[in-house]
């Protein structure tokens, strides 16, 4: 799908600052001024709120900071809905924020605004492309890490229960554990 890149004729850029738990969006006009802003949770309802927010500007261009990183989930959803996304590197957005007025104060809304300004003013913005294989691997890795974490928690609880039900006083358990670590016989 051809993507209309931001230009003087693009009236609004919907700029997104993605995080693990939230997306902050700012609509940035061609004068590089914020028109409206919203912060939503990263879930199905948050995505719907974001789309309703952007619905006020039907010809807007979407720009996501780090569309291949933290913004990958949102980029994948937008791409699935046939909406083109401009990838704004975090480094470029940070430079815009640092050079803008306000002395580079870091807030999610300021970050999203800098993403929009970068998308409006970039000479050759990158169109975000979702690599399905990477998205699947990322999902599997996150799932694997969370299951390892829950397994470790269960193992710690089990070990704690076993230790306390052994009938050995805490002081003796500590001294027995310390002597076992040092390798000295009892």
N, C-alpha and C. Protein backbone atom coordinates (compact mmCIF):
# COMPACT_ATOMS: atom_id res chain seq x y z
N UNK A 1 0.84 -1.18 0.00
CA UNK A 1 0.00 0.00 0.00
C UNK A 1 0.88 1.23 0.00
N UNK A 2 0.70 2.16 -0.95
CA UNK A 2 1.51 3.37 -0.96
C UNK A 2 1.18 4.23 0.24
N UNK A 3 2.20 4.81 0.80
CA UNK A 3 2.04 5.62 2.01
C UNK A 3 2.24 7.08 1.67
N UNK A 4 1.29 7.90 2.06
CA UNK A 4 1.44 9.34 1.89
C UNK A 4 2.33 9.85 3.00
N UNK A 5 3.52 10.27 2.66
CA UNK A 5 4.45 10.76 3.66
C UNK A 5 4.10 12.19 4.03
N UNK A 6 4.44 12.61 5.26
CA UNK A 6 4.10 13.95 5.70
C UNK A 6 4.75 14.99 4.80
N UNK A 7 4.02 16.03 4.53
CA UNK A 7 4.53 17.15 3.75
C UNK A 7 3.70 18.36 4.13
N UNK A 8 3.93 19.45 3.43
CA UNK A 8 3.15 20.65 3.70
C UNK A 8 1.67 20.39 3.42
N UNK A 9 1.37 19.46 2.52
CA UNK A 9 -0.03 19.19 2.20
C UNK A 9 -0.67 18.24 3.22
N UNK A 10 0.14 17.51 3.98
CA UNK A 10 -0.41 16.62 5.01
C UNK A 10 -0.82 17.49 6.19
N UNK A 11 -2.11 17.59 6.43
CA UNK A 11 -2.55 18.51 7.47
C UNK A 11 -2.16 18.08 8.89
N UNK A 12 -2.19 16.78 9.17
CA UNK A 12 -1.95 16.32 10.54
C UNK A 12 -1.15 15.02 10.53
N UNK A 13 -0.25 14.90 11.49
CA UNK A 13 0.47 13.66 11.76
C UNK A 13 0.02 13.18 13.13
N UNK A 14 -0.41 11.92 13.21
CA UNK A 14 -0.72 11.30 14.49
C UNK A 14 0.59 10.68 14.98
N UNK A 15 1.20 11.32 15.97
CA UNK A 15 2.51 10.89 16.45
C UNK A 15 2.35 10.09 17.74
N UNK A 16 3.02 8.96 17.80
CA UNK A 16 2.87 8.04 18.93
C UNK A 16 4.19 7.85 19.66
N UNK A 17 4.13 7.98 20.98
CA UNK A 17 5.24 7.62 21.86
C UNK A 17 4.83 6.33 22.57
N UNK A 18 5.37 5.17 22.14
CA UNK A 18 4.93 3.89 22.71
C UNK A 18 5.70 3.50 23.96
N UNK A 19 5.02 2.85 24.87
CA UNK A 19 5.62 2.25 26.06
C UNK A 19 5.03 0.86 26.23
N UNK A 20 5.52 0.11 27.19
CA UNK A 20 5.00 -1.24 27.40
C UNK A 20 3.54 -1.21 27.83
N UNK A 21 3.16 -0.25 28.66
CA UNK A 21 1.80 -0.24 29.21
C UNK A 21 0.90 0.83 28.60
N UNK A 22 1.47 1.79 27.86
CA UNK A 22 0.63 2.87 27.32
C UNK A 22 1.18 3.40 26.01
N UNK A 23 0.26 4.01 25.25
CA UNK A 23 0.62 4.74 24.03
C UNK A 23 0.16 6.17 24.24
N UNK A 24 1.04 7.13 23.99
CA UNK A 24 0.67 8.53 24.03
C UNK A 24 0.66 9.06 22.60
N UNK A 25 -0.46 9.65 22.21
CA UNK A 25 -0.60 10.16 20.84
C UNK A 25 -0.82 11.66 20.88
N UNK A 26 -0.19 12.35 19.94
CA UNK A 26 -0.40 13.79 19.76
C UNK A 26 -0.65 14.03 18.28
N UNK A 27 -1.71 14.77 17.98
CA UNK A 27 -1.98 15.19 16.61
C UNK A 27 -1.19 16.48 16.38
N UNK A 28 -0.31 16.46 15.38
CA UNK A 28 0.57 17.60 15.10
C UNK A 28 0.19 18.15 13.73
N UNK A 29 -0.11 19.47 13.68
CA UNK A 29 -0.52 20.08 12.41
C UNK A 29 0.68 20.51 11.59
N UNK A 30 0.42 21.06 10.42
CA UNK A 30 1.51 21.44 9.50
C UNK A 30 2.32 22.63 10.02
N UNK A 31 1.80 23.34 11.03
CA UNK A 31 2.57 24.43 11.65
C UNK A 31 3.45 23.89 12.78
N UNK A 32 3.48 22.54 12.93
CA UNK A 32 4.26 21.84 13.95
C UNK A 32 3.76 22.13 15.37
N UNK A 33 2.46 22.37 15.47
CA UNK A 33 1.82 22.64 16.75
C UNK A 33 0.93 21.47 17.14
N UNK A 34 0.88 21.15 18.44
CA UNK A 34 -0.03 20.08 18.87
C UNK A 34 -1.48 20.53 18.78
N UNK A 35 -2.33 19.68 18.23
CA UNK A 35 -3.76 19.99 18.09
C UNK A 35 -4.53 19.32 19.22
N UNK A 36 -4.21 18.07 19.51
CA UNK A 36 -4.88 17.31 20.58
C UNK A 36 -3.96 16.19 21.01
N UNK A 37 -4.23 15.65 22.19
CA UNK A 37 -3.40 14.56 22.71
C UNK A 37 -4.27 13.57 23.47
N UNK A 38 -3.79 12.33 23.55
CA UNK A 38 -4.49 11.29 24.28
C UNK A 38 -3.46 10.26 24.75
N UNK A 39 -3.75 9.65 25.88
CA UNK A 39 -2.91 8.55 26.38
C UNK A 39 -3.83 7.37 26.63
N UNK A 40 -3.48 6.20 26.08
CA UNK A 40 -4.32 5.02 26.20
C UNK A 40 -3.47 3.83 26.66
N UNK A 41 -4.15 2.83 27.21
CA UNK A 41 -3.47 1.60 27.60
C UNK A 41 -3.18 0.74 26.37
N UNK A 42 -2.17 -0.09 26.48
CA UNK A 42 -1.81 -1.00 25.39
C UNK A 42 -2.70 -2.24 25.51
N UNK A 43 -3.85 -2.17 24.88
CA UNK A 43 -4.77 -3.30 24.81
C UNK A 43 -5.78 -3.01 23.70
N UNK A 44 -6.74 -3.91 23.53
CA UNK A 44 -7.71 -3.76 22.45
C UNK A 44 -8.54 -2.47 22.61
N UNK A 45 -8.99 -2.18 23.83
CA UNK A 45 -9.77 -0.97 24.05
C UNK A 45 -8.94 0.29 23.81
N UNK A 46 -7.68 0.25 24.23
CA UNK A 46 -6.79 1.39 23.99
C UNK A 46 -6.59 1.65 22.50
N UNK A 47 -6.46 0.56 21.75
CA UNK A 47 -6.30 0.69 20.29
C UNK A 47 -7.55 1.32 19.68
N UNK A 48 -8.73 0.88 20.14
CA UNK A 48 -9.98 1.47 19.64
C UNK A 48 -10.07 2.95 19.97
N UNK A 49 -9.68 3.33 21.19
CA UNK A 49 -9.69 4.74 21.59
C UNK A 49 -8.74 5.55 20.70
N UNK A 50 -7.58 4.98 20.43
CA UNK A 50 -6.60 5.64 19.58
C UNK A 50 -7.14 5.86 18.18
N UNK A 51 -7.79 4.85 17.62
CA UNK A 51 -8.37 4.98 16.28
C UNK A 51 -9.50 6.01 16.26
N UNK A 52 -10.34 6.03 17.31
CA UNK A 52 -11.40 7.05 17.39
C UNK A 52 -10.80 8.45 17.48
N UNK A 53 -9.74 8.58 18.27
CA UNK A 53 -9.04 9.86 18.40
C UNK A 53 -8.55 10.33 17.03
N UNK A 54 -7.92 9.43 16.29
CA UNK A 54 -7.36 9.78 14.97
C UNK A 54 -8.44 9.94 13.91
N UNK A 55 -9.63 9.44 14.18
CA UNK A 55 -10.73 9.55 13.21
C UNK A 55 -11.12 10.98 12.89
N UNK A 56 -10.77 11.91 13.75
CA UNK A 56 -11.05 13.33 13.49
C UNK A 56 -10.25 13.87 12.30
N UNK A 57 -9.18 13.18 11.97
CA UNK A 57 -8.31 13.59 10.86
C UNK A 57 -8.18 12.41 9.90
N UNK A 58 -9.13 12.24 9.00
CA UNK A 58 -9.15 11.04 8.16
C UNK A 58 -7.94 10.90 7.22
N UNK A 59 -7.27 11.99 6.89
CA UNK A 59 -6.13 11.92 5.98
C UNK A 59 -4.80 12.07 6.71
N UNK A 60 -4.83 11.82 8.00
CA UNK A 60 -3.61 11.97 8.81
C UNK A 60 -2.62 10.86 8.48
N UNK A 61 -1.36 11.16 8.71
CA UNK A 61 -0.28 10.20 8.56
C UNK A 61 0.12 9.77 9.98
N UNK A 62 0.33 8.49 10.14
CA UNK A 62 0.73 7.96 11.45
C UNK A 62 2.24 7.87 11.53
N UNK A 63 2.82 8.31 12.66
CA UNK A 63 4.25 8.21 12.90
C UNK A 63 4.46 7.60 14.28
N UNK A 64 5.26 6.54 14.33
CA UNK A 64 5.50 5.83 15.58
C UNK A 64 6.99 5.85 15.89
N UNK A 65 7.32 6.24 17.11
CA UNK A 65 8.72 6.20 17.53
C UNK A 65 9.12 4.75 17.74
N UNK A 66 10.20 4.35 17.10
CA UNK A 66 10.68 2.98 17.24
C UNK A 66 9.66 1.95 16.80
N UNK A 67 9.20 2.08 15.55
CA UNK A 67 8.15 1.19 15.05
C UNK A 67 8.58 -0.27 15.01
N UNK A 68 9.85 -0.53 15.07
CA UNK A 68 10.32 -1.92 15.11
C UNK A 68 10.63 -2.39 16.51
N UNK A 69 10.57 -1.49 17.49
CA UNK A 69 10.87 -1.86 18.88
C UNK A 69 9.60 -1.86 19.72
N UNK A 70 9.51 -0.91 20.66
CA UNK A 70 8.32 -0.83 21.51
C UNK A 70 7.06 -0.52 20.71
N UNK A 71 7.22 0.11 19.56
CA UNK A 71 6.07 0.43 18.73
C UNK A 71 5.66 -0.66 17.76
N UNK A 72 6.32 -1.82 17.84
CA UNK A 72 6.05 -2.90 16.87
C UNK A 72 4.63 -3.44 16.97
N UNK A 73 4.11 -3.57 18.17
CA UNK A 73 2.75 -4.11 18.33
C UNK A 73 1.72 -3.17 17.70
N UNK A 74 1.87 -1.88 17.95
CA UNK A 74 0.95 -0.90 17.37
C UNK A 74 1.13 -0.83 15.85
N UNK A 75 2.36 -0.86 15.40
CA UNK A 75 2.63 -0.83 13.96
C UNK A 75 1.98 -2.03 13.28
N UNK A 76 2.06 -3.20 13.90
CA UNK A 76 1.46 -4.40 13.32
C UNK A 76 -0.06 -4.26 13.23
N UNK A 77 -0.68 -3.71 14.28
CA UNK A 77 -2.14 -3.52 14.26
C UNK A 77 -2.55 -2.53 13.17
N UNK A 78 -1.83 -1.43 13.09
CA UNK A 78 -2.16 -0.42 12.08
C UNK A 78 -1.96 -0.98 10.68
N UNK A 79 -0.87 -1.70 10.47
CA UNK A 79 -0.60 -2.28 9.16
C UNK A 79 -1.68 -3.30 8.79
N UNK A 80 -2.14 -4.08 9.77
CA UNK A 80 -3.21 -5.05 9.52
C UNK A 80 -4.50 -4.35 9.10
N UNK A 81 -4.69 -3.11 9.57
CA UNK A 81 -5.87 -2.32 9.20
C UNK A 81 -5.61 -1.46 7.96
N UNK A 82 -4.55 -1.76 7.20
CA UNK A 82 -4.16 -1.04 5.99
C UNK A 82 -3.88 0.44 6.23
N UNK A 83 -3.25 0.74 7.35
CA UNK A 83 -2.83 2.10 7.66
C UNK A 83 -1.31 2.12 7.62
N UNK A 84 -0.77 3.00 6.80
CA UNK A 84 0.67 3.12 6.70
C UNK A 84 1.25 3.84 7.90
N UNK A 85 2.47 3.47 8.28
CA UNK A 85 3.12 4.04 9.45
C UNK A 85 4.52 4.50 9.07
N UNK A 86 4.88 5.69 9.53
CA UNK A 86 6.23 6.22 9.36
C UNK A 86 7.01 5.88 10.62
N UNK A 87 8.17 5.30 10.46
CA UNK A 87 9.04 4.97 11.59
C UNK A 87 9.95 6.15 11.89
N UNK A 88 9.85 6.68 13.11
CA UNK A 88 10.72 7.77 13.54
C UNK A 88 11.70 7.19 14.55
N UNK A 89 12.99 7.16 14.23
CA UNK A 89 13.96 6.61 15.17
C UNK A 89 13.97 7.42 16.47
N UNK A 90 14.17 6.73 17.59
CA UNK A 90 14.17 7.38 18.90
C UNK A 90 15.24 8.46 18.98
N UNK A 91 16.37 8.23 18.33
CA UNK A 91 17.46 9.20 18.36
C UNK A 91 17.05 10.52 17.69
N UNK A 92 16.33 10.43 16.58
CA UNK A 92 15.86 11.64 15.89
C UNK A 92 14.83 12.38 16.74
N UNK A 93 13.91 11.64 17.34
CA UNK A 93 12.89 12.27 18.19
C UNK A 93 13.54 12.96 19.38
N UNK A 94 14.56 12.32 19.96
CA UNK A 94 15.26 12.92 21.10
C UNK A 94 15.97 14.22 20.69
N UNK A 95 16.58 14.22 19.52
CA UNK A 95 17.25 15.45 19.05
C UNK A 95 16.24 16.58 18.87
N UNK A 96 15.10 16.26 18.29
CA UNK A 96 14.06 17.28 18.10
C UNK A 96 13.62 17.83 19.45
N UNK A 97 13.40 16.94 20.42
CA UNK A 97 12.96 17.37 21.75
C UNK A 97 14.01 18.25 22.41
N UNK A 98 15.28 17.88 22.30
CA UNK A 98 16.34 18.64 22.95
C UNK A 98 16.51 20.02 22.31
N UNK A 99 16.24 20.13 21.01
CA UNK A 99 16.41 21.42 20.34
C UNK A 99 15.17 22.29 20.37
N UNK A 100 14.07 21.75 20.85
CA UNK A 100 12.83 22.54 20.89
C UNK A 100 12.82 23.42 22.14
N UNK A 101 11.87 24.35 22.16
CA UNK A 101 11.73 25.18 23.35
C UNK A 101 11.21 24.32 24.48
N UNK A 102 11.48 24.74 25.69
CA UNK A 102 11.11 23.94 26.84
C UNK A 102 12.30 23.15 27.37
N UNK A 103 13.45 23.33 26.74
CA UNK A 103 14.72 22.77 27.18
C UNK A 103 14.71 21.25 27.30
N UNK A 104 13.97 20.61 26.43
CA UNK A 104 14.02 19.15 26.35
C UNK A 104 13.41 18.42 27.52
N UNK A 105 12.42 19.03 28.17
CA UNK A 105 11.76 18.33 29.28
C UNK A 105 11.14 17.04 28.76
N UNK A 106 11.35 15.97 29.50
CA UNK A 106 10.91 14.66 29.03
C UNK A 106 9.59 14.27 29.67
N UNK A 107 8.53 14.37 28.86
CA UNK A 107 7.23 13.82 29.22
C UNK A 107 6.77 13.00 28.03
N UNK A 108 5.81 12.12 28.26
CA UNK A 108 5.33 11.30 27.15
C UNK A 108 4.71 12.17 26.06
N UNK A 109 3.99 13.22 26.47
CA UNK A 109 3.36 14.09 25.48
C UNK A 109 4.42 14.87 24.70
N UNK A 110 5.46 15.34 25.38
CA UNK A 110 6.54 16.04 24.69
C UNK A 110 7.26 15.10 23.74
N UNK A 111 7.43 13.84 24.15
CA UNK A 111 8.07 12.85 23.26
C UNK A 111 7.23 12.63 22.01
N UNK A 112 5.91 12.47 22.19
CA UNK A 112 5.03 12.26 21.03
C UNK A 112 5.05 13.48 20.11
N UNK A 113 5.06 14.67 20.69
CA UNK A 113 5.13 15.89 19.88
C UNK A 113 6.42 15.92 19.06
N UNK A 114 7.53 15.54 19.69
CA UNK A 114 8.80 15.53 18.95
C UNK A 114 8.80 14.48 17.84
N UNK A 115 8.10 13.38 18.04
CA UNK A 115 7.94 12.37 16.97
C UNK A 115 7.19 12.99 15.80
N UNK A 116 6.11 13.74 16.11
CA UNK A 116 5.32 14.39 15.05
C UNK A 116 6.11 15.44 14.29
N UNK A 117 6.87 16.24 15.01
CA UNK A 117 7.70 17.26 14.36
C UNK A 117 8.76 16.60 13.49
N UNK A 118 9.38 15.54 14.00
CA UNK A 118 10.39 14.82 13.21
C UNK A 118 9.77 14.24 11.95
N UNK A 119 8.56 13.69 12.06
CA UNK A 119 7.90 13.11 10.88
C UNK A 119 7.55 14.19 9.86
N UNK A 120 7.11 15.36 10.34
CA UNK A 120 6.77 16.46 9.43
C UNK A 120 8.00 17.02 8.71
N UNK A 121 9.13 17.07 9.41
CA UNK A 121 10.29 17.78 8.87
C UNK A 121 11.36 16.88 8.28
N UNK A 122 11.27 15.58 8.48
CA UNK A 122 12.30 14.66 7.96
C UNK A 122 12.30 14.70 6.43
N UNK A 123 13.49 14.67 5.86
CA UNK A 123 13.61 14.71 4.40
C UNK A 123 13.24 13.39 3.76
N UNK A 124 13.54 12.29 4.42
CA UNK A 124 13.22 10.97 3.85
C UNK A 124 12.76 10.02 4.94
N UNK A 125 11.54 10.20 5.45
CA UNK A 125 11.10 9.31 6.54
C UNK A 125 10.98 7.86 6.08
N UNK A 126 11.24 6.96 6.99
CA UNK A 126 11.18 5.52 6.70
C UNK A 126 9.78 4.99 6.90
N UNK A 127 9.30 4.22 5.95
CA UNK A 127 8.03 3.55 6.10
C UNK A 127 8.26 2.32 6.96
N UNK A 128 7.46 2.16 7.99
CA UNK A 128 7.61 1.01 8.89
C UNK A 128 7.11 -0.24 8.20
N UNK A 129 7.88 -1.31 8.32
CA UNK A 129 7.51 -2.60 7.76
C UNK A 129 7.52 -3.61 8.90
N UNK A 130 6.46 -4.37 9.00
CA UNK A 130 6.36 -5.37 10.05
C UNK A 130 6.89 -6.69 9.52
N UNK A 131 7.89 -7.22 10.17
CA UNK A 131 8.42 -8.54 9.82
C UNK A 131 7.69 -9.55 10.70
N UNK A 132 6.83 -10.34 10.10
CA UNK A 132 5.98 -11.28 10.84
C UNK A 132 6.81 -12.27 11.65
N UNK A 133 7.91 -12.74 11.11
CA UNK A 133 8.74 -13.72 11.83
C UNK A 133 9.30 -13.11 13.12
N UNK A 134 9.75 -11.87 13.03
CA UNK A 134 10.29 -11.21 14.23
C UNK A 134 9.18 -10.98 15.24
N UNK A 135 8.00 -10.60 14.79
CA UNK A 135 6.88 -10.39 15.70
C UNK A 135 6.52 -11.68 16.43
N UNK A 136 6.51 -12.79 15.71
CA UNK A 136 6.19 -14.08 16.34
C UNK A 136 7.27 -14.47 17.33
N UNK A 137 8.54 -14.31 16.97
CA UNK A 137 9.63 -14.63 17.89
C UNK A 137 9.58 -13.76 19.14
N UNK A 138 9.28 -12.48 18.98
CA UNK A 138 9.17 -11.58 20.13
C UNK A 138 8.05 -12.05 21.07
N UNK A 139 6.94 -12.44 20.50
CA UNK A 139 5.80 -12.92 21.29
C UNK A 139 6.17 -14.20 22.04
N UNK A 140 6.82 -15.13 21.35
CA UNK A 140 7.22 -16.38 21.99
C UNK A 140 8.24 -16.14 23.10
N UNK A 141 9.17 -15.23 22.87
CA UNK A 141 10.18 -14.92 23.88
C UNK A 141 9.53 -14.34 25.12
N UNK A 142 8.61 -13.40 24.94
CA UNK A 142 7.93 -12.79 26.09
C UNK A 142 7.14 -13.84 26.85
N UNK A 143 6.47 -14.72 26.14
CA UNK A 143 5.69 -15.78 26.77
C UNK A 143 6.61 -16.72 27.53
N UNK A 144 7.74 -17.09 26.92
CA UNK A 144 8.70 -17.99 27.56
C UNK A 144 9.26 -17.36 28.82
N UNK A 145 9.64 -16.08 28.75
CA UNK A 145 10.20 -15.39 29.91
C UNK A 145 9.19 -15.31 31.05
N UNK A 146 7.93 -15.04 30.73
CA UNK A 146 6.93 -14.95 31.80
C UNK A 146 6.67 -16.32 32.41
N UNK A 147 6.71 -17.40 31.62
CA UNK A 147 6.49 -18.72 32.20
C UNK A 147 7.68 -19.14 33.05
N UNK A 148 8.90 -18.76 32.66
CA UNK A 148 10.07 -19.05 33.49
C UNK A 148 9.95 -18.31 34.81
N UNK A 149 9.53 -17.05 34.74
CA UNK A 149 9.38 -16.24 35.95
C UNK A 149 8.36 -16.86 36.90
N UNK A 150 7.22 -17.31 36.36
CA UNK A 150 6.21 -17.91 37.23
C UNK A 150 6.69 -19.25 37.78
N UNK A 151 7.45 -20.02 37.01
CA UNK A 151 8.00 -21.29 37.49
C UNK A 151 8.99 -21.05 38.63
N UNK A 152 9.82 -20.02 38.48
CA UNK A 152 10.77 -19.69 39.54
C UNK A 152 10.05 -19.26 40.81
N UNK A 153 8.97 -18.50 40.66
CA UNK A 153 8.20 -18.07 41.83
C UNK A 153 7.61 -19.27 42.54
N UNK A 154 7.04 -20.21 41.77
CA UNK A 154 6.49 -21.42 42.38
C UNK A 154 7.58 -22.22 43.09
N UNK A 155 8.75 -22.33 42.48
CA UNK A 155 9.85 -23.08 43.09
C UNK A 155 10.30 -22.42 44.38
N UNK A 156 10.38 -21.09 44.41
CA UNK A 156 10.77 -20.38 45.63
C UNK A 156 9.76 -20.61 46.74
N UNK A 157 8.46 -20.53 46.39
CA UNK A 157 7.42 -20.75 47.41
C UNK A 157 7.50 -22.18 47.95
N UNK A 158 7.70 -23.14 47.05
CA UNK A 158 7.79 -24.54 47.46
C UNK A 158 9.00 -24.74 48.38
N UNK A 159 10.14 -24.20 48.00
CA UNK A 159 11.35 -24.32 48.80
C UNK A 159 11.14 -23.69 50.17
N UNK A 160 10.50 -22.55 50.21
CA UNK A 160 10.25 -21.86 51.47
C UNK A 160 9.36 -22.70 52.37
N UNK A 161 8.30 -23.29 51.79
CA UNK A 161 7.39 -24.14 52.57
C UNK A 161 8.14 -25.36 53.10
N UNK A 162 8.96 -25.98 52.28
CA UNK A 162 9.72 -27.16 52.70
C UNK A 162 10.68 -26.81 53.83
N UNK A 163 11.30 -25.68 53.71
CA UNK A 163 12.29 -25.26 54.69
C UNK A 163 11.63 -24.99 56.04
N UNK A 164 10.49 -24.30 56.00
CA UNK A 164 9.83 -23.97 57.27
C UNK A 164 9.13 -25.17 57.88
N UNK A 165 8.70 -26.14 57.09
CA UNK A 165 8.02 -27.32 57.63
C UNK A 165 9.00 -28.42 58.05
N UNK A 166 10.29 -28.20 57.86
CA UNK A 166 11.27 -29.23 58.20
C UNK A 166 11.45 -29.39 59.70
N UNK A 167 11.01 -28.41 60.47
CA UNK A 167 11.14 -28.49 61.92
C UNK A 167 12.50 -28.04 62.41
N UNK A 168 13.37 -27.65 61.52
CA UNK A 168 14.69 -27.16 61.93
C UNK A 168 14.56 -25.68 62.25
N UNK A 169 15.01 -25.23 63.41
CA UNK A 169 14.93 -23.81 63.73
C UNK A 169 15.70 -22.97 62.71
N UNK A 170 15.27 -21.74 62.53
CA UNK A 170 15.87 -20.87 61.52
C UNK A 170 17.36 -20.70 61.73
N UNK A 171 17.80 -20.55 63.00
CA UNK A 171 19.22 -20.35 63.28
C UNK A 171 20.02 -21.58 62.85
N UNK A 172 19.52 -22.74 63.10
CA UNK A 172 20.22 -23.98 62.71
C UNK A 172 20.24 -24.11 61.20
N UNK A 173 19.15 -23.75 60.54
CA UNK A 173 19.13 -23.82 59.09
C UNK A 173 20.20 -22.92 58.50
N UNK A 174 20.32 -21.71 59.08
CA UNK A 174 21.33 -20.79 58.54
C UNK A 174 22.73 -21.33 58.76
N UNK A 175 23.02 -21.84 59.94
CA UNK A 175 24.38 -22.32 60.19
C UNK A 175 24.67 -23.56 59.35
N UNK A 176 23.66 -24.42 59.15
CA UNK A 176 23.85 -25.60 58.33
C UNK A 176 24.10 -25.18 56.89
N UNK A 177 23.37 -24.18 56.40
CA UNK A 177 23.54 -23.69 55.04
C UNK A 177 24.90 -23.04 54.88
N UNK A 178 25.34 -22.27 55.89
CA UNK A 178 26.63 -21.60 55.81
C UNK A 178 27.77 -22.62 55.79
N UNK A 179 27.65 -23.67 56.62
CA UNK A 179 28.73 -24.66 56.63
C UNK A 179 28.76 -25.45 55.33
N UNK A 180 27.59 -25.66 54.74
CA UNK A 180 27.54 -26.37 53.46
C UNK A 180 28.19 -25.55 52.36
N UNK A 181 27.99 -24.24 52.42
CA UNK A 181 28.59 -23.37 51.40
C UNK A 181 30.11 -23.34 51.53
N UNK A 182 30.59 -23.29 52.77
CA UNK A 182 32.03 -23.18 52.97
C UNK A 182 32.74 -24.50 52.70
N UNK A 183 31.96 -25.59 52.69
CA UNK A 183 32.56 -26.89 52.39
C UNK A 183 33.13 -27.54 53.63
N UNK A 184 32.96 -26.95 54.80
CA UNK A 184 33.52 -27.54 56.02
C UNK A 184 32.56 -28.60 56.58
N UNK A 185 33.08 -29.66 57.13
CA UNK A 185 32.23 -30.69 57.71
C UNK A 185 31.61 -30.19 59.00
N UNK A 186 30.49 -30.79 59.39
CA UNK A 186 29.83 -30.36 60.63
C UNK A 186 30.53 -30.88 61.83
